[in-house]
PDB file of N, CA and C in Angstrom:
ATOM      1  N   MET A   1      49.826  -9.768  -9.760  1.00  0.00           N
ATOM      2  CA  MET A   1      50.428  -9.787  -8.786  1.00  0.00           C
ATOM      3  C   MET A   1      49.852  -9.639  -7.271  1.00  0.00           C
ATOM      4  N   GLN A   2      48.880  -8.553  -7.757  1.00  0.00           N
ATOM      5  CA  GLN A   2      48.046  -7.915  -6.226  1.00  0.00           C
ATOM      6  C   GLN A   2      47.631  -9.321  -5.689  1.00  0.00           C
ATOM      7  N   LEU A   3      47.269 -10.142  -6.541  1.00  0.00           N
ATOM      8  CA  LEU A   3      46.248 -11.426  -5.869  1.00  0.00           C
ATOM      9  C   LEU A   3      46.892 -12.162  -4.848  1.00  0.00           C
ATOM     10  N   LYS A   4      48.570 -12.225  -5.507  1.00  0.00           N
ATOM     11  CA  LYS A   4      49.528 -13.364  -4.704  1.00  0.00           C
ATOM     12  C   LYS A   4      49.901 -12.682  -3.610  1.00  0.00           C
ATOM     13  N   THR A   5      49.911 -11.441  -3.333  1.00  0.00           N
ATOM     14  CA  THR A   5      50.773 -10.424  -1.993  1.00  0.00           C
ATOM     15  C   THR A   5      49.344 -10.413  -1.069  1.00  0.00           C
ATOM     16  N   THR A   6      48.062 -10.758  -1.843  1.00  0.00           N
ATOM     17  CA  THR A   6      46.948 -10.688  -0.542  1.00  0.00           C
ATOM     18  C   THR A   6      47.005 -12.046   0.181  1.00  0.00           C
ATOM     19  N   LEU A   7      46.820 -12.976  -0.677  1.00  0.00           N
ATOM     20  CA  LEU A   7      47.049 -14.124  -0.396  1.00  0.00           C
ATOM     21  C   LEU A   7      47.826 -14.657   0.644  1.00  0.00           C
ATOM     22  N   ARG A   8      49.298 -14.278   0.444  1.00  0.00           N
ATOM     23  CA  ARG A   8      50.350 -14.466   1.223  1.00  0.00           C
ATOM     24  C   ARG A   8      50.076 -13.509   2.657  1.00  0.00           C
ATOM     25  N   ALA A   9      49.674 -12.457   2.728  1.00  0.00           N
ATOM     26  CA  ALA A   9      49.071 -11.744   3.697  1.00  0.00           C
ATOM     27  C   ALA A   9      48.009 -12.379   4.474  1.00  0.00           C
ATOM     28  N   CYS A  10      47.036 -13.342   3.981  1.00  0.00           N
ATOM     29  CA  CYS A  10      46.102 -14.174   4.624  1.00  0.00           C
ATOM     30  C   CYS A  10      46.674 -15.321   5.353  1.00  0.00           C
ATOM     31  N   LEU A  11      47.909 -16.002   4.936  1.00  0.00           N
ATOM     32  CA  LEU A  11      48.236 -16.869   5.423  1.00  0.00           C
ATOM     33  C   LEU A  11      48.473 -17.304   6.575  1.00  0.00           C
ATOM     34  N   PRO A  12      48.982 -16.423   7.372  1.00  0.00           N
ATOM     35  CA  PRO A  12      49.006 -16.403   8.979  1.00  0.00           C
ATOM     36  C   PRO A  12      47.706 -16.689   9.434  1.00  0.00           C
ATOM     37  N   GLN A  13      46.645 -15.509   8.830  1.00  0.00           N
ATOM     38  CA  GLN A  13      45.207 -15.689   9.577  1.00  0.00           C
ATOM     39  C   GLN A  13      44.662 -16.992   9.245  1.00  0.00           C
ATOM     40  N   ARG A  14      44.752 -17.452   8.166  1.00  0.00           N
ATOM     41  CA  ARG A  14      44.395 -18.973   8.101  1.00  0.00           C
ATOM     42  C   ARG A  14      44.882 -19.864   8.716  1.00  0.00           C
ATOM     43  N   ARG A  15      46.054 -19.745   9.067  1.00  0.00           N
ATOM     44  CA  ARG A  15      46.711 -20.843   9.783  1.00  0.00           C
ATOM     45  C   ARG A  15      46.335 -20.786  11.392  1.00  0.00           C
ATOM     46  N   THR A  16      46.311 -19.424  11.826  1.00  0.00           N
ATOM     47  CA  THR A  16      45.747 -19.381  13.285  1.00  0.00           C
ATOM     48  C   THR A  16      43.917 -19.916  13.253  1.00  0.00           C
ATOM     49  N   LEU A  17      43.278 -19.937  12.122  1.00  0.00           N
ATOM     50  CA  LEU A  17      42.005 -20.287  12.169  1.00  0.00           C
ATOM     51  C   LEU A  17      41.580 -21.629  12.094  1.00  0.00           C
ATOM     52  N   ALA A  18      42.628 -22.218  11.299  1.00  0.00           N
ATOM     53  CA  ALA A  18      42.769 -23.747  11.034  1.00  0.00           C
ATOM     54  C   ALA A  18      43.264 -24.430  12.656  1.00  0.00           C
ATOM     55  N   ALA A  19      44.257 -23.875  13.235  1.00  0.00           N
ATOM     56  CA  ALA A  19      44.446 -24.281  14.726  1.00  0.00           C
ATOM     57  C   ALA A  19      43.844 -24.424  15.685  1.00  0.00           C
ATOM     58  N   ALA A  20      42.581 -23.218  15.433  1.00  0.00           N
ATOM     59  CA  ALA A  20      41.733 -23.015  16.270  1.00  0.00           C
ATOM     60  C   ALA A  20      40.481 -23.494  16.254  1.00  0.00           C
ATOM     61  N   ARG A  21      40.241 -24.250  15.114  1.00  0.00           N
ATOM     62  CA  ARG A  21      38.950 -24.995  14.645  1.00  0.00           C
ATOM     63  C   ARG A  21      38.924 -25.975  15.566  1.00  0.00           C
ATOM     64  N   PRO A  22      39.751 -26.942  15.680  1.00  0.00           N
ATOM     65  CA  PRO A  22      39.189 -28.155  16.622  1.00  0.00           C
ATOM     66  C   PRO A  22      38.695 -27.856  18.184  1.00  0.00           C
ATOM     67  N   VAL A  23      39.637 -26.806  18.424  1.00  0.00           N
ATOM     68  CA  VAL A  23      39.350 -26.236  19.745  1.00  0.00           C
ATOM     69  C   VAL A  23      37.847 -25.532  19.973  1.00  0.00           C
ATOM     70  N   LEU A  24      37.668 -24.947  19.203  1.00  0.00           N
ATOM     71  CA  LEU A  24      36.276 -24.201  18.994  1.00  0.00           C
ATOM     72  C   LEU A  24      35.429 -25.414  18.927  1.00  0.00           C
ATOM     73  N   LEU A  25      35.430 -26.309  18.115  1.00  0.00           N
ATOM     74  CA  LEU A  25      34.379 -27.629  18.085  1.00  0.00           C
ATOM     75  C   LEU A  25      34.138 -27.981  19.193  1.00  0.00           C
ATOM     76  N   GLY A  26      35.503 -28.159  20.203  1.00  0.00           N
ATOM     77  CA  GLY A  26      34.979 -29.280  21.041  1.00  0.00           C
ATOM     78  C   GLY A  26      34.429 -28.323  22.034  1.00  0.00           C
ATOM     79  N   LEU A  27      34.735 -26.846  22.192  1.00  0.00           N
ATOM     80  CA  LEU A  27      34.331 -26.280  23.356  1.00  0.00           C
ATOM     81  C   LEU A  27      32.136 -26.114  23.005  1.00  0.00           C
ATOM     82  N   SER A  28      32.184 -26.071  21.584  1.00  0.00           N
ATOM     83  CA  SER A  28      30.917 -25.910  21.109  1.00  0.00           C
ATOM     84  C   SER A  28      30.211 -27.500  21.677  1.00  0.00           C
ATOM     85  N   LEU A  29      30.772 -28.439  21.436  1.00  0.00           N
ATOM     86  CA  LEU A  29      30.531 -29.648  21.450  1.00  0.00           C
ATOM     87  C   LEU A  29      30.079 -30.000  23.109  1.00  0.00           C
ATOM     88  N   LEU A  30      30.950 -29.186  24.097  1.00  0.00           N
ATOM     89  CA  LEU A  30      30.847 -29.421  25.441  1.00  0.00           C
ATOM     90  C   LEU A  30      29.371 -28.702  25.845  1.00  0.00           C
ATOM     91  N   ALA A  31      29.643 -27.275  25.627  1.00  0.00           N
ATOM     92  CA  ALA A  31      28.633 -26.657  25.624  1.00  0.00           C
ATOM     93  C   ALA A  31      27.047 -27.230  25.508  1.00  0.00           C
ATOM     94  N   ALA A  32      26.850 -27.807  24.128  1.00  0.00           N
ATOM     95  CA  ALA A  32      25.937 -28.277  23.813  1.00  0.00           C
ATOM     96  C   ALA A  32      25.262 -29.614  24.706  1.00  0.00           C
ATOM     97  N   ALA A  33      26.376 -30.289  25.237  1.00  0.00           N
ATOM     98  CA  ALA A  33      26.236 -31.177  25.891  1.00  0.00           C
ATOM     99  C   ALA A  33      25.641 -30.828  27.222  1.00  0.00           C
ATOM    100  N   ALA A  34      26.405 -29.634  27.822  1.00  0.00           N
ATOM    101  CA  ALA A  34      26.217 -29.197  29.115  1.00  0.00           C
ATOM    102  C   ALA A  34      24.670 -28.777  29.224  1.00  0.00           C
ATOM    103  N   GLY A  35      24.292 -28.018  28.269  1.00  0.00           N
ATOM    104  CA  GLY A  35      23.039 -27.283  27.771  1.00  0.00           C
ATOM    105  C   GLY A  35      21.657 -28.480  27.518  1.00  0.00           C
ATOM    106  N   ALA A  36      22.114 -29.389  27.225  1.00  0.00           N
ATOM    107  CA  ALA A  36      21.399 -30.446  27.145  1.00  0.00           C
ATOM    108  C   ALA A  36      20.764 -31.489  28.283  1.00  0.00           C
ATOM    109  N   GLN A  37      21.610 -31.738  29.426  1.00  0.00           N
ATOM    110  CA  GLN A  37      21.560 -32.311  30.605  1.00  0.00           C
ATOM    111  C   GLN A  37      20.467 -31.564  31.565  1.00  0.00           C
ATOM    112  N   ALA A  38      19.398 -32.378  31.842  1.00  0.00           N
ATOM    113  CA  ALA A  38      18.551 -31.469  33.110  1.00  0.00           C
ATOM    114  C   ALA A  38      19.096 -31.613  34.049  1.00  0.00           C
ATOM    115  N   PRO A  39      18.903 -30.409  35.122  1.00  0.00           N
ATOM    116  CA  PRO A  39      19.594 -30.499  36.375  1.00  0.00           C
ATOM    117  C   PRO A  39      19.218 -31.814  37.231  1.00  0.00           C
ATOM    118  N   ALA A  40      20.170 -32.799  37.949  1.00  0.00           N
ATOM    119  CA  ALA A  40      19.052 -33.702  38.708  1.00  0.00           C
ATOM    120  C   ALA A  40      18.409 -33.498  39.831  1.00  0.00           C
ATOM    121  N   ASP A  41      18.764 -32.181  40.266  1.00  0.00           N
ATOM    122  CA  ASP A  41      18.174 -31.914  41.770  1.00  0.00           C
ATOM    123  C   ASP A  41      17.150 -30.508  41.193  1.00  0.00           C
ATOM    124  N   VAL A  42      16.366 -30.457  41.843  1.00  0.00           N
ATOM    125  CA  VAL A  42      15.944 -29.264  42.118  1.00  0.00           C
ATOM    126  C   VAL A  42      16.276 -28.180  42.669  1.00  0.00           C
ATOM    127  N   ARG A  43      16.818 -26.924  41.879  1.00  0.00           N
ATOM    128  CA  ARG A  43      17.373 -25.723  42.339  1.00  0.00           C
ATOM    129  C   ARG A  43      16.625 -24.941  42.779  1.00  0.00           C
ATOM    130  N   VAL A  44      16.890 -24.286  44.219  1.00  0.00           N
ATOM    131  CA  VAL A  44      16.363 -23.401  45.158  1.00  0.00           C
ATOM    132  C   VAL A  44      17.227 -22.334  45.348  1.00  0.00           C
ATOM    133  N   ALA A  45      16.335 -21.212  45.328  1.00  0.00           N
ATOM    134  CA  ALA A  45      17.136 -20.289  45.786  1.00  0.00           C
ATOM    135  C   ALA A  45      16.098 -19.327  46.923  1.00  0.00           C
ATOM    136  N   LEU A  46      16.826 -18.808  47.731  1.00  0.00           N
ATOM    137  CA  LEU A  46      16.148 -17.639  48.656  1.00  0.00           C
ATOM    138  C   LEU A  46      16.665 -16.334  48.481  1.00  0.00           C
ATOM    139  N   VAL A  47      15.822 -15.506  48.117  1.00  0.00           N
ATOM    140  CA  VAL A  47      15.990 -14.085  47.722  1.00  0.00           C
ATOM    141  C   VAL A  47      15.500 -12.986  48.592  1.00  0.00           C
ATOM    142  N   ILE A  48      16.469 -12.522  49.373  1.00  0.00           N
ATOM    143  CA  ILE A  48      15.654 -11.359  50.667  1.00  0.00           C
ATOM    144  C   ILE A  48      16.217 -10.133  50.441  1.00  0.00           C
ATOM    145  N   GLY A  49      15.405  -9.235  49.784  1.00  0.00           N
ATOM    146  CA  GLY A  49      15.827  -7.839  50.088  1.00  0.00           C
ATOM    147  C   GLY A  49      14.857  -7.192  50.786  1.00  0.00           C
ATOM    148  N   ASN A  50      15.693  -6.569  51.921  1.00  0.00           N
ATOM    149  CA  ASN A  50      15.107  -5.292  53.054  1.00  0.00           C
ATOM    150  C   ASN A  50      15.421  -4.110  52.481  1.00  0.00           C
ATOM    151  N   SER A  51      14.274  -3.437  52.456  1.00  0.00           N
ATOM    152  CA  SER A  51      14.576  -1.902  51.971  1.00  0.00           C
ATOM    153  C   SER A  51      13.990  -1.195  53.634  1.00  0.00           C
ATOM    154  N   ALA A  52      13.020  -1.627  53.760  1.00  0.00           N
ATOM    155  CA  ALA A  52      12.456  -0.552  54.856  1.00  0.00           C
ATOM    156  C   ALA A  52      12.821  -0.845  56.302  1.00  0.00           C
ATOM    157  N   TYR A  53      14.140  -0.240  56.347  1.00  0.00           N
ATOM    158  CA  TYR A  53      14.912  -0.206  57.427  1.00  0.00           C
ATOM    159  C   TYR A  53      14.614   0.857  58.552  1.00  0.00           C
ATOM    160  N   ALA A  54      14.023   1.270  59.728  1.00  0.00           N
ATOM    161  CA  ALA A  54      13.362   1.995  60.464  1.00  0.00           C
ATOM    162  C   ALA A  54      14.192   3.285  60.757  1.00  0.00           C
ATOM    163  N   GLU A  55      15.007   3.099  61.223  1.00  0.00           N
ATOM    164  CA  GLU A  55      16.437   4.531  61.071  1.00  0.00           C
ATOM    165  C   GLU A  55      16.901   4.845  59.647  1.00  0.00           C
ATOM    166  N   SER A  56      17.052   4.016  59.037  1.00  0.00           N
ATOM    167  CA  SER A  56      17.734   4.748  57.490  1.00  0.00           C
ATOM    168  C   SER A  56      17.246   3.702  56.735  1.00  0.00           C
ATOM    169  N   PRO A  57      16.034   3.917  55.637  1.00  0.00           N
ATOM    170  CA  PRO A  57      15.554   3.163  54.808  1.00  0.00           C
ATOM    171  C   PRO A  57      16.109   3.244  53.549  1.00  0.00           C
ATOM    172  N   LEU A  58      16.439   2.025  52.940  1.00  0.00           N
ATOM    173  CA  LEU A  58      17.655   1.884  51.827  1.00  0.00           C
ATOM    174  C   LEU A  58      16.649   1.832  50.350  1.00  0.00           C
ATOM    175  N   LEU A  59      17.150   2.357  49.244  1.00  0.00           N
ATOM    176  CA  LEU A  59      16.227   2.457  48.225  1.00  0.00           C
ATOM    177  C   LEU A  59      16.568   1.253  47.184  1.00  0.00           C
ATOM    178  N   ASN A  60      17.431   0.583  47.081  1.00  0.00           N
ATOM    179  CA  ASN A  60      17.254  -0.661  46.345  1.00  0.00           C
ATOM    180  C   ASN A  60      17.195  -2.178  46.672  1.00  0.00           C
ATOM    181  N   PRO A  61      17.497  -2.393  47.827  1.00  0.00           N
ATOM    182  CA  PRO A  61      17.318  -3.981  47.976  1.00  0.00           C
ATOM    183  C   PRO A  61      16.051  -4.679  47.638  1.00  0.00           C
ATOM    184  N   ALA A  62      15.295  -4.004  47.823  1.00  0.00           N
ATOM    185  CA  ALA A  62      13.903  -4.781  47.425  1.00  0.00           C
ATOM    186  C   ALA A  62      13.709  -4.810  45.871  1.00  0.00           C
ATOM    187  N   ASN A  63      14.124  -3.616  45.311  1.00  0.00           N
ATOM    188  CA  ASN A  63      14.225  -3.858  43.954  1.00  0.00           C
ATOM    189  C   ASN A  63      15.121  -4.607  43.204  1.00  0.00           C
ATOM    190  N   ASP A  64      16.340  -4.916  43.656  1.00  0.00           N
ATOM    191  CA  ASP A  64      17.337  -5.668  43.397  1.00  0.00           C
ATOM    192  C   ASP A  64      16.735  -7.211  43.815  1.00  0.00           C
ATOM    193  N   ALA A  65      16.105  -7.775  44.747  1.00  0.00           N
ATOM    194  CA  ALA A  65      15.503  -8.851  44.919  1.00  0.00           C
ATOM    195  C   ALA A  65      14.679  -9.295  44.226  1.00  0.00           C
ATOM    196  N   LYS A  66      13.789  -8.085  43.387  1.00  0.00           N
ATOM    197  CA  LYS A  66      12.806  -8.745  42.458  1.00  0.00           C
ATOM    198  C   LYS A  66      13.605  -8.754  41.242  1.00  0.00           C
ATOM    199  N   ALA A  67      14.724  -8.405  41.085  1.00  0.00           N
ATOM    200  CA  ALA A  67      15.553  -8.250  39.856  1.00  0.00           C
ATOM    201  C   ALA A  67      15.978  -9.471  39.586  1.00  0.00           C
ATOM    202  N   MET A  68      16.660 -10.058  40.853  1.00  0.00           N
ATOM    203  CA  MET A  68      17.432 -11.336  41.034  1.00  0.00           C
ATOM    204  C   MET A  68      16.511 -12.332  41.043  1.00  0.00           C
ATOM    205  N   SER A  69      15.441 -12.294  41.773  1.00  0.00           N
ATOM    206  CA  SER A  69      14.330 -13.428  41.551  1.00  0.00           C
ATOM    207  C   SER A  69      13.895 -13.794  40.277  1.00  0.00           C
ATOM    208  N   ALA A  70      13.625 -12.715  39.528  1.00  0.00           N
ATOM    209  CA  ALA A  70      13.217 -13.133  37.859  1.00  0.00           C
ATOM    210  C   ALA A  70      14.299 -13.743  37.024  1.00  0.00           C
ATOM    211  N   ALA A  71      15.675 -13.698  37.874  1.00  0.00           N
ATOM    212  CA  ALA A  71      17.083 -13.920  36.856  1.00  0.00           C
ATOM    213  C   ALA A  71      16.924 -15.259  37.315  1.00  0.00           C
ATOM    214  N   LEU A  72      16.629 -15.431  38.395  1.00  0.00           N
ATOM    215  CA  LEU A  72      17.147 -16.859  38.946  1.00  0.00           C
ATOM    216  C   LEU A  72      15.574 -17.864  38.549  1.00  0.00           C
ATOM    217  N   THR A  73      14.896 -17.451  38.383  1.00  0.00           N
ATOM    218  CA  THR A  73      13.647 -18.263  37.677  1.00  0.00           C
ATOM    219  C   THR A  73      13.743 -18.331  36.649  1.00  0.00           C
ATOM    220  N   GLY A  74      14.302 -17.167  35.630  1.00  0.00           N
ATOM    221  CA  GLY A  74      14.255 -17.723  34.099  1.00  0.00           C
ATOM    222  C   GLY A  74      15.546 -18.824  33.768  1.00  0.00           C
ATOM    223  N   LEU A  75      16.449 -19.013  34.847  1.00  0.00           N
ATOM    224  CA  LEU A  75      17.545 -20.291  34.904  1.00  0.00           C
ATOM    225  C   LEU A  75      17.247 -21.258  35.479  1.00  0.00           C
ATOM    226  N   GLY A  76      15.830 -21.479  35.878  1.00  0.00           N
ATOM    227  CA  GLY A  76      15.083 -22.652  35.919  1.00  0.00           C
ATOM    228  C   GLY A  76      15.353 -23.044  38.010  1.00  0.00           C
ATOM    229  N   PHE A  77      15.469 -21.737  38.370  1.00  0.00           N
ATOM    230  CA  PHE A  77      15.396 -22.053  40.154  1.00  0.00           C
ATOM    231  C   PHE A  77      13.795 -21.906  40.306  1.00  0.00           C
ATOM    232  N   LYS A  78      13.793 -22.779  41.658  1.00  0.00           N
ATOM    233  CA  LYS A  78      12.302 -22.660  42.445  1.00  0.00           C
ATOM    234  C   LYS A  78      12.610 -21.524  43.640  1.00  0.00           C
ATOM    235  N   VAL A  79      12.400 -20.280  43.555  1.00  0.00           N
ATOM    236  CA  VAL A  79      12.683 -18.933  44.115  1.00  0.00           C
ATOM    237  C   VAL A  79      11.854 -18.857  44.966  1.00  0.00           C
ATOM    238  N   ILE A  80      12.342 -18.503  46.389  1.00  0.00           N
ATOM    239  CA  ILE A  80      11.374 -17.994  47.562  1.00  0.00           C
ATOM    240  C   ILE A  80      12.129 -16.462  47.681  1.00  0.00           C
ATOM    241  N   GLU A  81      10.925 -15.616  47.540  1.00  0.00           N
ATOM    242  CA  GLU A  81      11.335 -14.154  47.797  1.00  0.00           C
ATOM    243  C   GLU A  81      10.755 -13.805  49.133  1.00  0.00           C
ATOM    244  N   LEU A  82      11.799 -12.524  49.468  1.00  0.00           N
ATOM    245  CA  LEU A  82      11.334 -12.171  50.569  1.00  0.00           C
ATOM    246  C   LEU A  82      11.730 -10.853  50.465  1.00  0.00           C
ATOM    247  N   ARG A  83      10.750  -9.847  50.565  1.00  0.00           N
ATOM    248  CA  ARG A  83      11.032  -8.339  50.372  1.00  0.00           C
ATOM    249  C   ARG A  83      10.515  -7.775  51.871  1.00  0.00           C
ATOM    250  N   ASP A  84      11.293  -6.715  52.507  1.00  0.00           N
ATOM    251  CA  ASP A  84      11.030  -6.183  53.683  1.00  0.00           C
ATOM    252  C   ASP A  84      10.609  -6.941  54.634  1.00  0.00           C
ATOM    253  N   GLY A  85      10.833  -8.174  55.054  1.00  0.00           N
ATOM    254  CA  GLY A  85      10.286  -9.147  55.903  1.00  0.00           C
ATOM    255  C   GLY A  85      11.318  -8.854  57.228  1.00  0.00           C
ATOM    256  N   GLY A  86      10.589  -9.045  58.454  1.00  0.00           N
ATOM    257  CA  GLY A  86      10.997  -9.098  59.623  1.00  0.00           C
ATOM    258  C   GLY A  86      11.978 -10.146  60.110  1.00  0.00           C
ATOM    259  N   LYS A  87      12.582 -10.441  61.224  1.00  0.00           N
ATOM    260  CA  LYS A  87      12.839 -11.893  61.684  1.00  0.00           C
ATOM    261  C   LYS A  87      12.320 -12.920  61.632  1.00  0.00           C
ATOM    262  N   GLU A  88      10.711 -13.277  62.079  1.00  0.00           N
ATOM    263  CA  GLU A  88      10.179 -14.212  62.069  1.00  0.00           C
ATOM    264  C   GLU A  88      10.180 -14.412  60.316  1.00  0.00           C
ATOM    265  N   ALA A  89       9.834 -13.636  59.546  1.00  0.00           N
ATOM    266  CA  ALA A  89       9.518 -14.261  58.494  1.00  0.00           C
ATOM    267  C   ALA A  89      10.547 -14.575  57.668  1.00  0.00           C
ATOM    268  N   MET A  90      12.040 -14.129  57.863  1.00  0.00           N
ATOM    269  CA  MET A  90      13.457 -14.905  57.490  1.00  0.00           C
ATOM    270  C   MET A  90      13.408 -15.816  57.894  1.00  0.00           C
ATOM    271  N   ASP A  91      13.266 -16.187  59.308  1.00  0.00           N
ATOM    272  CA  ASP A  91      13.279 -17.178  59.991  1.00  0.00           C
ATOM    273  C   ASP A  91      12.432 -18.511  59.037  1.00  0.00           C
ATOM    274  N   GLY A  92      11.143 -18.161  58.971  1.00  0.00           N
ATOM    275  CA  GLY A  92      10.531 -18.736  58.066  1.00  0.00           C
ATOM    276  C   GLY A  92      10.877 -19.092  56.761  1.00  0.00           C
ATOM    277  N   ALA A  93      11.350 -18.134  56.024  1.00  0.00           N
ATOM    278  CA  ALA A  93      11.357 -18.717  54.717  1.00  0.00           C
ATOM    279  C   ALA A  93      13.208 -19.666  54.778  1.00  0.00           C
ATOM    280  N   VAL A  94      14.135 -19.387  55.517  1.00  0.00           N
ATOM    281  CA  VAL A  94      15.149 -20.276  55.674  1.00  0.00           C
ATOM    282  C   VAL A  94      14.623 -21.492  56.023  1.00  0.00           C
ATOM    283  N   LYS A  95      13.234 -21.919  57.128  1.00  0.00           N
ATOM    284  CA  LYS A  95      13.011 -22.845  57.124  1.00  0.00           C
ATOM    285  C   LYS A  95      12.377 -23.962  55.947  1.00  0.00           C
ATOM    286  N   GLN A  96      11.481 -22.690  55.388  1.00  0.00           N
ATOM    287  CA  GLN A  96      10.877 -23.347  54.151  1.00  0.00           C
ATOM    288  C   GLN A  96      11.874 -24.067  53.045  1.00  0.00           C
ATOM    289  N   VAL A  97      13.105 -23.045  52.823  1.00  0.00           N
ATOM    290  CA  VAL A  97      14.136 -23.668  51.905  1.00  0.00           C
ATOM    291  C   VAL A  97      14.896 -24.653  52.583  1.00  0.00           C
ATOM    292  N   SER A  98      15.014 -24.738  53.669  1.00  0.00           N
ATOM    293  CA  SER A  98      15.952 -26.294  54.260  1.00  0.00           C
ATOM    294  C   SER A  98      14.735 -27.245  54.281  1.00  0.00           C
ATOM    295  N   ALA A  99      13.906 -27.184  54.222  1.00  0.00           N
ATOM    296  CA  ALA A  99      13.178 -28.441  53.822  1.00  0.00           C
ATOM    297  C   ALA A  99      12.870 -28.786  52.967  1.00  0.00           C
ATOM    298  N   MET A 100      12.792 -27.681  51.258  1.00  0.00           N
ATOM    299  CA  MET A 100      13.013 -28.096  50.279  1.00  0.00           C
ATOM    300  C   MET A 100      14.560 -28.982  49.887  1.00  0.00           C
ATOM    301  N   LEU A 101      15.644 -28.119  50.742  1.00  0.00           N
ATOM    302  CA  LEU A 101      17.096 -28.865  50.185  1.00  0.00           C
ATOM    303  C   LEU A 101      17.327 -30.523  51.333  1.00  0.00           C
ATOM    304  N   LYS A 102      16.338 -30.761  51.720  1.00  0.00           N
ATOM    305  CA  LYS A 102      16.424 -31.797  53.191  1.00  0.00           C
ATOM    306  C   LYS A 102      16.690 -32.904  51.785  1.00  0.00           C
ATOM    307  N   ASP A 103      17.737 -33.942  52.583  1.00  0.00           N
ATOM    308  CA  ASP A 103      18.567 -34.881  51.801  1.00  0.00           C
ATOM    309  C   ASP A 103      19.087 -34.459  50.116  1.00  0.00           C
ATOM    310  N   LYS A 104      19.393 -33.252  49.960  1.00  0.00           N
ATOM    311  CA  LYS A 104      20.118 -32.812  48.874  1.00  0.00           C
ATOM    312  C   LYS A 104      21.440 -32.992  49.028  1.00  0.00           C
ATOM    313  N   ARG A 105      22.586 -32.937  48.032  1.00  0.00           N
ATOM    314  CA  ARG A 105      23.968 -33.200  48.441  1.00  0.00           C
ATOM    315  C   ARG A 105      24.913 -31.651  48.251  1.00  0.00           C
ATOM    316  N   GLY A 106      24.204 -30.764  47.366  1.00  0.00           N
ATOM    317  CA  GLY A 106      25.056 -29.579  47.784  1.00  0.00           C
ATOM    318  C   GLY A 106      24.071 -28.412  47.640  1.00  0.00           C
ATOM    319  N   VAL A 107      24.727 -27.512  48.049  1.00  0.00           N
ATOM    320  CA  VAL A 107      24.038 -26.118  48.592  1.00  0.00           C
ATOM    321  C   VAL A 107      25.130 -24.889  48.076  1.00  0.00           C
ATOM    322  N   GLY A 108      24.455 -24.049  47.498  1.00  0.00           N
ATOM    323  CA  GLY A 108      25.430 -22.857  47.042  1.00  0.00           C
ATOM    324  C   GLY A 108      24.918 -21.692  47.777  1.00  0.00           C
ATOM    325  N   MET A 109      25.317 -20.621  48.497  1.00  0.00           N
ATOM    326  CA  MET A 109      24.988 -19.263  49.083  1.00  0.00           C
ATOM    327  C   MET A 109      25.264 -18.303  48.488  1.00  0.00           C
ATOM    328  N   PHE A 110      24.785 -17.266  48.464  1.00  0.00           N
ATOM    329  CA  PHE A 110      25.197 -15.902  47.979  1.00  0.00           C
ATOM    330  C   PHE A 110      24.718 -14.759  48.637  1.00  0.00           C
ATOM    331  N   TYR A 111      25.834 -13.894  49.371  1.00  0.00           N
ATOM    332  CA  TYR A 111      24.742 -12.993  50.295  1.00  0.00           C
ATOM    333  C   TYR A 111      25.326 -11.938  49.742  1.00  0.00           C
TER     334      TYR A 111
END
């Protein structure tokens, strides 16, 4: 009798799992298809981390920029990284990225 009681107790869990299987399979197939597609365009990121301010230097921005650049490179981005750059260096980096994005359809920004 113990076995029948245990099977009855598991029945709701089995029904839930059975109902979830098609959803999980569909999500798995979508994830695999999305991962298999190569990006149509080059992915470009400009990462700027300025720590060395004259009045009040900051501890983390340059380190954060280094870590963010590594993460984005790992995701397939072509990364232009600038740490502790002045206005001219930042203008140059923006122009470099703008040239790389010429004739592209989409741009994403994070500040």
